[in-house]
């Protein structure tokens, strides 16, 4: 679980932060995709779908912040049609509690 998260200090706190957070977010995506592939509980599957989207958004935002090359944006082959999201979740909040203000392509 901690593979990829031990980073040598470089003096650039921003780079070290991102270097440690990217594997953390990728592990969350990997665990959520395992739930989507093999899980049966619909509530957990919805949570897993949200985790995949939110963590991908945070990875994208970190790449932008440090002007790193953007990761590929192709959806995982196991992602299914998203479940309808209640209006209360129209503005997604990550599991870290940060509001993600992403543009809505339907507006």
PDB file of N, CA and C in Angstrom:
ATOM      1  N   UNK A   1       0.825  -1.198   0.000  1.00  0.00           N
ATOM      2  CA  UNK A   1       0.000   0.000   0.000  1.00  0.00           C
ATOM      3  C   UNK A   1       0.863   1.253   0.000  1.00  0.00           C
ATOM      4  N   UNK A   2       2.019   1.178   0.614  1.00  0.00           N
ATOM      5  CA  UNK A   2       2.857   2.362   0.735  1.00  0.00           C
ATOM      6  C   UNK A   2       3.911   2.450  -0.373  1.00  0.00           C
ATOM      7  N   UNK A   3       3.939   1.477  -1.294  1.00  0.00           N
ATOM      8  CA  UNK A   3       4.893   1.527  -2.397  1.00  0.00           C
ATOM      9  C   UNK A   3       4.726   2.827  -3.168  1.00  0.00           C
ATOM     10  N   UNK A   4       5.829   3.441  -3.513  1.00  0.00           N
ATOM     11  CA  UNK A   4       5.777   4.677  -4.284  1.00  0.00           C
ATOM     12  C   UNK A   4       5.547   5.911  -3.440  1.00  0.00           C
ATOM     13  N   UNK A   5       5.326   5.729  -2.146  1.00  0.00           N
ATOM     14  CA  UNK A   5       5.034   6.887  -1.304  1.00  0.00           C
ATOM     15  C   UNK A   5       6.237   7.326  -0.480  1.00  0.00           C
ATOM     16  N   UNK A   6       7.357   6.596  -0.560  1.00  0.00           N
ATOM     17  CA  UNK A   6       8.557   7.046   0.137  1.00  0.00           C
ATOM     18  C   UNK A   6       9.396   7.827  -0.867  1.00  0.00           C
ATOM     19  N   UNK A   7       9.464   9.126  -0.646  1.00  0.00           N
ATOM     20  CA  UNK A   7      10.121  10.044  -1.563  1.00  0.00           C
ATOM     21  C   UNK A   7      11.230  10.751  -0.817  1.00  0.00           C
ATOM     22  N   UNK A   8      12.396  10.871  -1.468  1.00  0.00           N
ATOM     23  CA  UNK A   8      13.506  11.593  -0.848  1.00  0.00           C
ATOM     24  C   UNK A   8      13.203  13.090  -0.878  1.00  0.00           C
ATOM     25  N   UNK A   9      13.451  13.778   0.238  1.00  0.00           N
ATOM     26  CA  UNK A   9      13.234  15.229   0.261  1.00  0.00           C
ATOM     27  C   UNK A   9      14.115  15.928  -0.776  1.00  0.00           C
ATOM     28  N   UNK A  10      13.514  16.850  -1.502  1.00  0.00           N
ATOM     29  CA  UNK A  10      14.258  17.590  -2.528  1.00  0.00           C
ATOM     30  C   UNK A  10      14.356  19.067  -2.186  1.00  0.00           C
ATOM     31  N   UNK A  11      13.659  19.484  -1.145  1.00  0.00           N
ATOM     32  CA  UNK A  11      13.612  20.900  -0.825  1.00  0.00           C
ATOM     33  C   UNK A  11      12.416  21.590  -1.461  1.00  0.00           C
ATOM     34  N   UNK A  12      11.773  20.930  -2.410  1.00  0.00           N
ATOM     35  CA  UNK A  12      10.579  21.476  -3.066  1.00  0.00           C
ATOM     36  C   UNK A  12       9.364  20.752  -2.501  1.00  0.00           C
ATOM     37  N   UNK A  13       8.753  21.361  -1.495  1.00  0.00           N
ATOM     38  CA  UNK A  13       7.637  20.730  -0.793  1.00  0.00           C
ATOM     39  C   UNK A  13       6.495  20.399  -1.752  1.00  0.00           C
ATOM     40  N   UNK A  14       6.236  21.262  -2.725  1.00  0.00           N
ATOM     41  CA  UNK A  14       5.154  21.010  -3.674  1.00  0.00           C
ATOM     42  C   UNK A  14       5.399  19.733  -4.468  1.00  0.00           C
ATOM     43  N   UNK A  15       6.611  19.571  -4.967  1.00  0.00           N
ATOM     44  CA  UNK A  15       6.938  18.369  -5.751  1.00  0.00           C
ATOM     45  C   UNK A  15       6.887  17.109  -4.899  1.00  0.00           C
ATOM     46  N   UNK A  16       7.388  17.192  -3.666  1.00  0.00           N
ATOM     47  CA  UNK A  16       7.352  16.039  -2.771  1.00  0.00           C
ATOM     48  C   UNK A  16       5.901  15.676  -2.445  1.00  0.00           C
ATOM     49  N   UNK A  17       5.083  16.691  -2.172  1.00  0.00           N
ATOM     50  CA  UNK A  17       3.667  16.455  -1.889  1.00  0.00           C
ATOM     51  C   UNK A  17       3.007  15.700  -3.042  1.00  0.00           C
ATOM     52  N   UNK A  18       3.190  16.187  -4.251  1.00  0.00           N
ATOM     53  CA  UNK A  18       2.571  15.545  -5.416  1.00  0.00           C
ATOM     54  C   UNK A  18       3.160  14.162  -5.635  1.00  0.00           C
ATOM     55  N   UNK A  19       4.468  14.013  -5.468  1.00  0.00           N
ATOM     56  CA  UNK A  19       5.098  12.705  -5.655  1.00  0.00           C
ATOM     57  C   UNK A  19       4.545  11.666  -4.691  1.00  0.00           C
ATOM     58  N   UNK A  20       4.143  12.099  -3.504  1.00  0.00           N
ATOM     59  CA  UNK A  20       3.568  11.171  -2.532  1.00  0.00           C
ATOM     60  C   UNK A  20       2.061  10.983  -2.728  1.00  0.00           C
ATOM     61  N   UNK A  21       1.373  12.019  -3.174  1.00  0.00           N
ATOM     62  CA  UNK A  21      -0.077  11.932  -3.325  1.00  0.00           C
ATOM     63  C   UNK A  21      -0.500  11.157  -4.572  1.00  0.00           C
ATOM     64  N   UNK A  22       0.264  11.258  -5.649  1.00  0.00           N
ATOM     65  CA  UNK A  22      -0.133  10.559  -6.878  1.00  0.00           C
ATOM     66  C   UNK A  22      -0.274   9.050  -6.665  1.00  0.00           C
ATOM     67  N   UNK A  23       0.693   8.368  -6.034  1.00  0.00           N
ATOM     68  CA  UNK A  23       0.491   6.931  -5.815  1.00  0.00           C
ATOM     69  C   UNK A  23      -0.666   6.646  -4.860  1.00  0.00           C
ATOM     70  N   UNK A  24      -0.869   7.523  -3.873  1.00  0.00           N
ATOM     71  CA  UNK A  24      -1.989   7.369  -2.933  1.00  0.00           C
ATOM     72  C   UNK A  24      -3.320   7.397  -3.696  1.00  0.00           C
ATOM     73  N   UNK A  25      -3.471   8.374  -4.584  1.00  0.00           N
ATOM     74  CA  UNK A  25      -4.703   8.485  -5.360  1.00  0.00           C
ATOM     75  C   UNK A  25      -4.845   7.331  -6.342  1.00  0.00           C
ATOM     76  N   UNK A  26      -3.736   6.908  -6.943  1.00  0.00           N
ATOM     77  CA  UNK A  26      -3.807   5.781  -7.877  1.00  0.00           C
ATOM     78  C   UNK A  26      -4.221   4.504  -7.153  1.00  0.00           C
ATOM     79  N   UNK A  27      -3.731   4.305  -5.929  1.00  0.00           N
ATOM     80  CA  UNK A  27      -4.129   3.111  -5.153  1.00  0.00           C
ATOM     81  C   UNK A  27      -5.628   3.154  -4.857  1.00  0.00           C
ATOM     82  N   UNK A  28      -6.153   4.341  -4.550  1.00  0.00           N
ATOM     83  CA  UNK A  28      -7.595   4.470  -4.303  1.00  0.00           C
ATOM     84  C   UNK A  28      -8.371   4.090  -5.563  1.00  0.00           C
ATOM     85  N   UNK A  29      -7.889   4.529  -6.730  1.00  0.00           N
ATOM     86  CA  UNK A  29      -8.540   4.174  -7.999  1.00  0.00           C
ATOM     87  C   UNK A  29      -8.472   2.662  -8.203  1.00  0.00           C
ATOM     88  N   UNK A  30      -7.318   2.066  -7.956  1.00  0.00           N
ATOM     89  CA  UNK A  30      -7.158   0.623  -8.140  1.00  0.00           C
ATOM     90  C   UNK A  30      -8.112  -0.157  -7.241  1.00  0.00           C
ATOM     91  N   UNK A  31      -8.230   0.263  -5.979  1.00  0.00           N
ATOM     92  CA  UNK A  31      -9.147  -0.425  -5.050  1.00  0.00           C
ATOM     93  C   UNK A  31     -10.595  -0.252  -5.492  1.00  0.00           C
ATOM     94  N   UNK A  32     -10.947   0.939  -5.946  1.00  0.00           N
ATOM     95  CA  UNK A  32     -12.315   1.195  -6.397  1.00  0.00           C
ATOM     96  C   UNK A  32     -12.630   0.365  -7.644  1.00  0.00           C
ATOM     97  N   UNK A  33     -11.663   0.240  -8.551  1.00  0.00           N
ATOM     98  CA  UNK A  33     -11.901  -0.567  -9.745  1.00  0.00           C
ATOM     99  C   UNK A  33     -12.075  -2.043  -9.398  1.00  0.00           C
ATOM    100  N   UNK A  34     -11.369  -2.524  -8.375  1.00  0.00           N
ATOM    101  CA  UNK A  34     -11.565  -3.903  -7.921  1.00  0.00           C
ATOM    102  C   UNK A  34     -12.992  -4.078  -7.408  1.00  0.00           C
ATOM    103  N   UNK A  35     -13.489  -3.093  -6.671  1.00  0.00           N
ATOM    104  CA  UNK A  35     -14.882  -3.152  -6.198  1.00  0.00           C
ATOM    105  C   UNK A  35     -15.845  -3.170  -7.377  1.00  0.00           C
ATOM    106  N   UNK A  36     -15.577  -2.348  -8.391  1.00  0.00           N
ATOM    107  CA  UNK A  36     -16.461  -2.309  -9.558  1.00  0.00           C
ATOM    108  C   UNK A  36     -16.437  -3.629 -10.327  1.00  0.00           C
ATOM    109  N   UNK A  37     -15.303  -4.271 -10.374  1.00  0.00           N
ATOM    110  CA  UNK A  37     -15.193  -5.541 -11.101  1.00  0.00           C
ATOM    111  C   UNK A  37     -15.840  -6.695 -10.353  1.00  0.00           C
ATOM    112  N   UNK A  38     -15.623  -6.746  -9.044  1.00  0.00           N
ATOM    113  CA  UNK A  38     -15.986  -7.943  -8.295  1.00  0.00           C
ATOM    114  C   UNK A  38     -17.029  -7.726  -7.208  1.00  0.00           C
ATOM    115  N   UNK A  39     -17.305  -6.492  -6.840  1.00  0.00           N
ATOM    116  CA  UNK A  39     -18.242  -6.221  -5.751  1.00  0.00           C
ATOM    117  C   UNK A  39     -19.693  -6.406  -6.172  1.00  0.00           C
ATOM    118  N   UNK A  40     -20.521  -6.674  -5.206  1.00  0.00           N
ATOM    119  CA  UNK A  40     -21.949  -6.897  -5.471  1.00  0.00           C
ATOM    120  C   UNK A  40     -22.851  -5.874  -4.792  1.00  0.00           C
ATOM    121  N   UNK A  41     -22.349  -5.191  -3.778  1.00  0.00           N
ATOM    122  CA  UNK A  41     -23.141  -4.232  -3.022  1.00  0.00           C
ATOM    123  C   UNK A  41     -23.269  -2.947  -3.843  1.00  0.00           C
ATOM    124  N   UNK A  42     -24.501  -2.611  -4.224  1.00  0.00           N
ATOM    125  CA  UNK A  42     -24.723  -1.446  -5.096  1.00  0.00           C
ATOM    126  C   UNK A  42     -24.295  -0.135  -4.459  1.00  0.00           C
ATOM    127  N   UNK A  43     -24.477   0.005  -3.152  1.00  0.00           N
ATOM    128  CA  UNK A  43     -24.052   1.234  -2.480  1.00  0.00           C
ATOM    129  C   UNK A  43     -22.526   1.373  -2.552  1.00  0.00           C
ATOM    130  N   UNK A  44     -21.814   0.289  -2.306  1.00  0.00           N
ATOM    131  CA  UNK A  44     -20.352   0.339  -2.389  1.00  0.00           C
ATOM    132  C   UNK A  44     -19.880   0.556  -3.824  1.00  0.00           C
ATOM    133  N   UNK A  45     -20.592  -0.004  -4.789  1.00  0.00           N
ATOM    134  CA  UNK A  45     -20.229   0.189  -6.192  1.00  0.00           C
ATOM    135  C   UNK A  45     -20.398   1.659  -6.592  1.00  0.00           C
ATOM    136  N   UNK A  46     -21.459   2.313  -6.106  1.00  0.00           N
ATOM    137  CA  UNK A  46     -21.638   3.743  -6.384  1.00  0.00           C
ATOM    138  C   UNK A  46     -20.516   4.558  -5.750  1.00  0.00           C
ATOM    139  N   UNK A  47     -20.156   4.214  -4.522  1.00  0.00           N
ATOM    140  CA  UNK A  47     -19.051   4.898  -3.856  1.00  0.00           C
ATOM    141  C   UNK A  47     -17.770   4.698  -4.656  1.00  0.00           C
ATOM    142  N   UNK A  48     -17.537   3.489  -5.123  1.00  0.00           N
ATOM    143  CA  UNK A  48     -16.334   3.192  -5.908  1.00  0.00           C
ATOM    144  C   UNK A  48     -16.312   4.012  -7.202  1.00  0.00           C
ATOM    145  N   UNK A  49     -17.466   4.144  -7.857  1.00  0.00           N
ATOM    146  CA  UNK A  49     -17.521   4.958  -9.074  1.00  0.00           C
ATOM    147  C   UNK A  49     -17.157   6.408  -8.767  1.00  0.00           C
ATOM    148  N   UNK A  50     -17.670   6.930  -7.668  1.00  0.00           N
ATOM    149  CA  UNK A  50     -17.360   8.306  -7.277  1.00  0.00           C
ATOM    150  C   UNK A  50     -15.872   8.462  -6.965  1.00  0.00           C
ATOM    151  N   UNK A  51     -15.299   7.467  -6.295  1.00  0.00           N
ATOM    152  CA  UNK A  51     -13.875   7.525  -5.962  1.00  0.00           C
ATOM    153  C   UNK A  51     -13.033   7.594  -7.223  1.00  0.00           C
ATOM    154  N   UNK A  52     -13.356   6.771  -8.221  1.00  0.00           N
ATOM    155  CA  UNK A  52     -12.590   6.781  -9.465  1.00  0.00           C
ATOM    156  C   UNK A  52     -12.620   8.176 -10.085  1.00  0.00           C
ATOM    157  N   UNK A  53     -13.803   8.762 -10.191  1.00  0.00           N
ATOM    158  CA  UNK A  53     -13.933  10.087 -10.812  1.00  0.00           C
ATOM    159  C   UNK A  53     -13.195  11.144  -9.997  1.00  0.00           C
ATOM    160  N   UNK A  54     -13.423  11.161  -8.692  1.00  0.00           N
ATOM    161  CA  UNK A  54     -12.828  12.187  -7.834  1.00  0.00           C
ATOM    162  C   UNK A  54     -11.311  12.097  -7.810  1.00  0.00           C
ATOM    163  N   UNK A  55     -10.793  10.884  -7.691  1.00  0.00           N
ATOM    164  CA  UNK A  55      -9.344  10.727  -7.622  1.00  0.00           C
ATOM    165  C   UNK A  55      -8.686  11.084  -8.954  1.00  0.00           C
ATOM    166  N   UNK A  56      -9.341  10.749 -10.068  1.00  0.00           N
ATOM    167  CA  UNK A  56      -8.812  11.142 -11.374  1.00  0.00           C
ATOM    168  C   UNK A  56      -8.792  12.664 -11.504  1.00  0.00           C
ATOM    169  N   UNK A  57      -9.825  13.332 -10.991  1.00  0.00           N
ATOM    170  CA  UNK A  57      -9.863  14.794 -11.032  1.00  0.00           C
ATOM    171  C   UNK A  57      -8.728  15.397 -10.207  1.00  0.00           C
ATOM    172  N   UNK A  58      -8.467  14.824  -9.042  1.00  0.00           N
ATOM    173  CA  UNK A  58      -7.403  15.342  -8.196  1.00  0.00           C
ATOM    174  C   UNK A  58      -6.030  15.093  -8.828  1.00  0.00           C
ATOM    175  N   UNK A  59      -5.835  13.932  -9.433  1.00  0.00           N
ATOM    176  CA  UNK A  59      -4.575  13.650 -10.130  1.00  0.00           C
ATOM    177  C   UNK A  59      -4.378  14.663 -11.249  1.00  0.00           C
ATOM    178  N   UNK A  60      -5.423  14.902 -12.015  1.00  0.00           N
ATOM    179  CA  UNK A  60      -5.371  15.875 -13.114  1.00  0.00           C
ATOM    180  C   UNK A  60      -5.006  17.259 -12.576  1.00  0.00           C
ATOM    181  N   UNK A  61      -5.651  17.666 -11.481  1.00  0.00           N
ATOM    182  CA  UNK A  61      -5.400  18.994 -10.893  1.00  0.00           C
ATOM    183  C   UNK A  61      -3.958  19.118 -10.401  1.00  0.00           C
ATOM    184  N   UNK A  62      -3.415  18.061  -9.824  1.00  0.00           N
ATOM    185  CA  UNK A  62      -2.024  18.114  -9.356  1.00  0.00           C
ATOM    186  C   UNK A  62      -1.058  18.217 -10.529  1.00  0.00           C
ATOM    187  N   UNK A  63      -1.341  17.494 -11.601  1.00  0.00           N
ATOM    188  CA  UNK A  63      -0.499  17.604 -12.794  1.00  0.00           C
ATOM    189  C   UNK A  63      -0.535  19.038 -13.338  1.00  0.00           C
ATOM    190  N   UNK A  64      -1.724  19.617 -13.391  1.00  0.00           N
ATOM    191  CA  UNK A  64      -1.836  20.997 -13.873  1.00  0.00           C
ATOM    192  C   UNK A  64      -1.077  21.974 -12.975  1.00  0.00           C
ATOM    193  N   UNK A  65      -1.202  21.791 -11.671  1.00  0.00           N
ATOM    194  CA  UNK A  65      -0.575  22.716 -10.733  1.00  0.00           C
ATOM    195  C   UNK A  65       0.941  22.749 -10.893  1.00  0.00           C
ATOM    196  N   UNK A  66       1.537  21.608 -11.196  1.00  0.00           N
ATOM    197  CA  UNK A  66       2.991  21.549 -11.353  1.00  0.00           C
ATOM    198  C   UNK A  66       3.421  21.551 -12.820  1.00  0.00           C
ATOM    199  N   UNK A  67       2.458  21.764 -13.697  1.00  0.00           N
ATOM    200  CA  UNK A  67       2.737  21.784 -15.142  1.00  0.00           C
ATOM    201  C   UNK A  67       3.411  20.500 -15.607  1.00  0.00           C
ATOM    202  N   UNK A  68       2.930  19.375 -15.085  1.00  0.00           N
ATOM    203  CA  UNK A  68       3.418  18.063 -15.490  1.00  0.00           C
ATOM    204  C   UNK A  68       2.613  17.590 -16.692  1.00  0.00           C
ATOM    205  N   UNK A  69       3.154  16.666 -17.491  1.00  0.00           N
ATOM    206  CA  UNK A  69       2.349  16.104 -18.579  1.00  0.00           C
ATOM    207  C   UNK A  69       1.093  15.464 -17.999  1.00  0.00           C
ATOM    208  N   UNK A  70      -0.016  15.653 -18.679  1.00  0.00           N
ATOM    209  CA  UNK A  70      -1.289  15.128 -18.179  1.00  0.00           C
ATOM    210  C   UNK A  70      -1.348  13.616 -18.373  1.00  0.00           C
ATOM    211  N   UNK A  71      -1.939  12.916 -17.401  1.00  0.00           N
ATOM    212  CA  UNK A  71      -2.090  11.463 -17.536  1.00  0.00           C
ATOM    213  C   UNK A  71      -3.136  11.156 -18.596  1.00  0.00           C
ATOM    214  N   UNK A  72      -3.105   9.949 -19.150  1.00  0.00           N
ATOM    215  CA  UNK A  72      -4.131   9.584 -20.129  1.00  0.00           C
ATOM    216  C   UNK A  72      -5.516   9.667 -19.496  1.00  0.00           C
ATOM    217  N   UNK A  73      -6.500  10.094 -20.269  1.00  0.00           N
ATOM    218  CA  UNK A  73      -7.837  10.298 -19.713  1.00  0.00           C
ATOM    219  C   UNK A  73      -8.841   9.240 -20.148  1.00  0.00           C
ATOM    220  N   UNK A  74      -8.391   8.183 -20.755  1.00  0.00           N
ATOM    221  CA  UNK A  74      -9.306   7.125 -21.196  1.00  0.00           C
ATOM    222  C   UNK A  74      -9.918   6.433 -19.985  1.00  0.00           C
ATOM    223  N   UNK A  75     -11.228   6.177 -20.012  1.00  0.00           N
ATOM    224  CA  UNK A  75     -11.860   5.481 -18.890  1.00  0.00           C
ATOM    225  C   UNK A  75     -11.401   4.030 -18.834  1.00  0.00           C
ATOM    226  N   UNK A  76     -11.406   3.479 -17.642  1.00  0.00           N
ATOM    227  CA  UNK A  76     -11.058   2.078 -17.471  1.00  0.00           C
ATOM    228  C   UNK A  76     -12.109   1.228 -18.169  1.00  0.00           C
ATOM    229  N   UNK A  77     -11.713   0.096 -18.733  1.00  0.00           N
ATOM    230  CA  UNK A  77     -12.669  -0.723 -19.473  1.00  0.00           C
ATOM    231  C   UNK A  77     -13.803  -1.264 -18.623  1.00  0.00           C
ATOM    232  N   UNK A  78     -13.620  -1.316 -17.300  1.00  0.00           N
ATOM    233  CA  UNK A  78     -14.659  -1.867 -16.442  1.00  0.00           C
ATOM    234  C   UNK A  78     -15.641  -0.823 -15.931  1.00  0.00           C
ATOM    235  N   UNK A  79     -15.423   0.434 -16.275  1.00  0.00           N
ATOM    236  CA  UNK A  79     -16.351   1.464 -15.803  1.00  0.00           C
ATOM    237  C   UNK A  79     -17.665   1.327 -16.553  1.00  0.00           C
ATOM    238  N   UNK A  80     -18.723   1.303 -15.778  1.00  0.00           N
ATOM    239  CA  UNK A  80     -20.039   1.172 -16.357  1.00  0.00           C
ATOM    240  C   UNK A  80     -20.695   2.530 -16.436  1.00  0.00           C
ATOM    241  N   UNK A  81     -21.874   2.557 -17.058  1.00  0.00           N
ATOM    242  CA  UNK A  81     -22.650   3.787 -17.116  1.00  0.00           C
ATOM    243  C   UNK A  81     -22.845   4.285 -15.694  1.00  0.00           C
ATOM    244  N   UNK A  82     -22.473   5.559 -15.416  1.00  0.00           N
ATOM    245  CA  UNK A  82     -22.581   6.068 -14.047  1.00  0.00           C
ATOM    246  C   UNK A  82     -24.016   6.031 -13.542  1.00  0.00           C
ATOM    247  N   UNK A  83     -24.133   5.697 -12.268  1.00  0.00           N
ATOM    248  CA  UNK A  83     -25.447   5.738 -11.626  1.00  0.00           C
ATOM    249  C   UNK A  83     -25.872   7.194 -11.524  1.00  0.00           C
ATOM    250  N   UNK A  84     -27.185   7.423 -11.505  1.00  0.00           N
ATOM    251  CA  UNK A  84     -27.643   8.801 -11.370  1.00  0.00           C
ATOM    252  C   UNK A  84     -27.206   9.324 -10.006  1.00  0.00           C
ATOM    253  N   UNK A  85     -26.756  10.565  -9.979  1.00  0.00           N
ATOM    254  CA  UNK A  85     -26.252  11.172  -8.757  1.00  0.00           C
ATOM    255  C   UNK A  85     -27.309  12.130  -8.226  1.00  0.00           C
ATOM    256  N   UNK A  86     -27.701  11.982  -6.957  1.00  0.00           N
ATOM    257  CA  UNK A  86     -28.704  12.888  -6.385  1.00  0.00           C
ATOM    258  C   UNK A  86     -28.235  14.339  -6.463  1.00  0.00           C
ATOM    259  N   UNK A  87     -29.170  15.266  -6.517  1.00  0.00           N
ATOM    260  CA  UNK A  87     -28.855  16.694  -6.631  1.00  0.00           C
ATOM    261  C   UNK A  87     -27.936  17.162  -5.516  1.00  0.00           C
ATOM    262  N   UNK A  88     -28.008  16.529  -4.363  1.00  0.00           N
ATOM    263  CA  UNK A  88     -27.157  16.926  -3.239  1.00  0.00           C
ATOM    264  C   UNK A  88     -25.683  16.724  -3.559  1.00  0.00           C
ATOM    265  N   UNK A  89     -25.382  15.894  -4.559  1.00  0.00           N
ATOM    266  CA  UNK A  89     -23.996  15.625  -4.925  1.00  0.00           C
ATOM    267  C   UNK A  89     -23.620  16.291  -6.242  1.00  0.00           C
ATOM    268  N   UNK A  90     -24.322  17.322  -6.626  1.00  0.00           N
ATOM    269  CA  UNK A  90     -24.054  17.987  -7.900  1.00  0.00           C
ATOM    270  C   UNK A  90     -22.667  18.606  -7.919  1.00  0.00           C
ATOM    271  N   UNK A  91     -22.153  19.011  -6.764  1.00  0.00           N
ATOM    272  CA  UNK A  91     -20.799  19.543  -6.656  1.00  0.00           C
ATOM    273  C   UNK A  91     -19.997  18.543  -5.851  1.00  0.00           C
ATOM    274  N   UNK A  92     -19.260  17.648  -6.533  1.00  0.00           N
ATOM    275  CA  UNK A  92     -18.581  16.565  -5.818  1.00  0.00           C
ATOM    276  C   UNK A  92     -17.559  17.078  -4.821  1.00  0.00           C
ATOM    277  N   UNK A  93     -17.481  16.379  -3.702  1.00  0.00           N
ATOM    278  CA  UNK A  93     -16.489  16.660  -2.684  1.00  0.00           C
ATOM    279  C   UNK A  93     -15.645  15.408  -2.554  1.00  0.00           C
ATOM    280  N   UNK A  94     -14.342  15.557  -2.526  1.00  0.00           N
ATOM    281  CA  UNK A  94     -13.463  14.400  -2.447  1.00  0.00           C
ATOM    282  C   UNK A  94     -13.481  13.814  -1.046  1.00  0.00           C
ATOM    283  N   UNK A  95     -12.877  12.629  -0.908  1.00  0.00           N
ATOM    284  CA  UNK A  95     -12.810  12.026   0.418  1.00  0.00           C
ATOM    285  C   UNK A  95     -11.879  12.805   1.339  1.00  0.00           C
ATOM    286  N   UNK A  96     -11.136  13.763   0.789  1.00  0.00           N
ATOM    287  CA  UNK A  96     -10.289  14.633   1.600  1.00  0.00           C
ATOM    288  C   UNK A  96     -11.058  15.866   2.056  1.00  0.00           C
ATOM    289  N   UNK A  97     -12.314  16.024   1.608  1.00  0.00           N
ATOM    290  CA  UNK A  97     -13.138  17.140   2.035  1.00  0.00           C
ATOM    291  C   UNK A  97     -12.964  18.386   1.204  1.00  0.00           C
ATOM    292  N   UNK A  98     -12.227  18.301   0.089  1.00  0.00           N
ATOM    293  CA  UNK A  98     -12.015  19.475  -0.751  1.00  0.00           C
ATOM    294  C   UNK A  98     -13.103  19.546  -1.812  1.00  0.00           C
ATOM    295  N   UNK A  99     -13.660  20.723  -1.984  1.00  0.00           N
ATOM    296  CA  UNK A  99     -14.661  20.936  -3.038  1.00  0.00           C
ATOM    297  C   UNK A  99     -13.952  20.946  -4.384  1.00  0.00           C
ATOM    298  N   UNK A 100     -14.452  20.175  -5.333  1.00  0.00           N
ATOM    299  CA  UNK A 100     -13.875  20.155  -6.670  1.00  0.00           C
ATOM    300  C   UNK A 100     -14.816  20.936  -7.581  1.00  0.00           C
ATOM    301  N   UNK A 101     -14.411  22.106  -7.999  1.00  0.00           N
ATOM    302  CA  UNK A 101     -15.233  22.931  -8.881  1.00  0.00           C
ATOM    303  C   UNK A 101     -14.833  22.651 -10.319  1.00  0.00           C
ATOM    304  N   UNK A 102     -15.482  21.676 -10.885  1.00  0.00           N
ATOM    305  CA  UNK A 102     -15.197  21.275 -12.249  1.00  0.00           C
ATOM    306  C   UNK A 102     -16.302  21.832 -13.152  1.00  0.00           C
ATOM    307  N   UNK A 103     -15.942  22.254 -14.358  1.00  0.00           N
ATOM    308  CA  UNK A 103     -16.974  22.754 -15.265  1.00  0.00           C
ATOM    309  C   UNK A 103     -17.963  21.654 -15.616  1.00  0.00           C
ATOM    310  N   UNK A 104     -19.216  22.027 -15.750  1.00  0.00           N
ATOM    311  CA  UNK A 104     -20.261  21.077 -16.111  1.00  0.00           C
ATOM    312  C   UNK A 104     -20.462  21.151 -17.621  1.00  0.00           C
ATOM    313  N   UNK A 105     -20.103  20.078 -18.361  1.00  0.00           N
ATOM    314  CA  UNK A 105     -20.204  20.127 -19.823  1.00  0.00           C
ATOM    315  C   UNK A 105     -21.639  20.165 -20.333  1.00  0.00           C
ATOM    316  N   UNK A 106     -22.623  19.918 -19.468  1.00  0.00           N
ATOM    317  CA  UNK A 106     -24.019  19.907 -19.915  1.00  0.00           C
ATOM    318  C   UNK A 106     -24.651  21.282 -19.843  1.00  0.00           C
ATOM    319  N   UNK A 107     -23.942  22.274 -19.316  1.00  0.00           N
ATOM    320  CA  UNK A 107     -24.519  23.614 -19.191  1.00  0.00           C
ATOM    321  C   UNK A 107     -24.124  24.471 -20.364  1.00  0.00           C
TER     322      UNK A 107
END
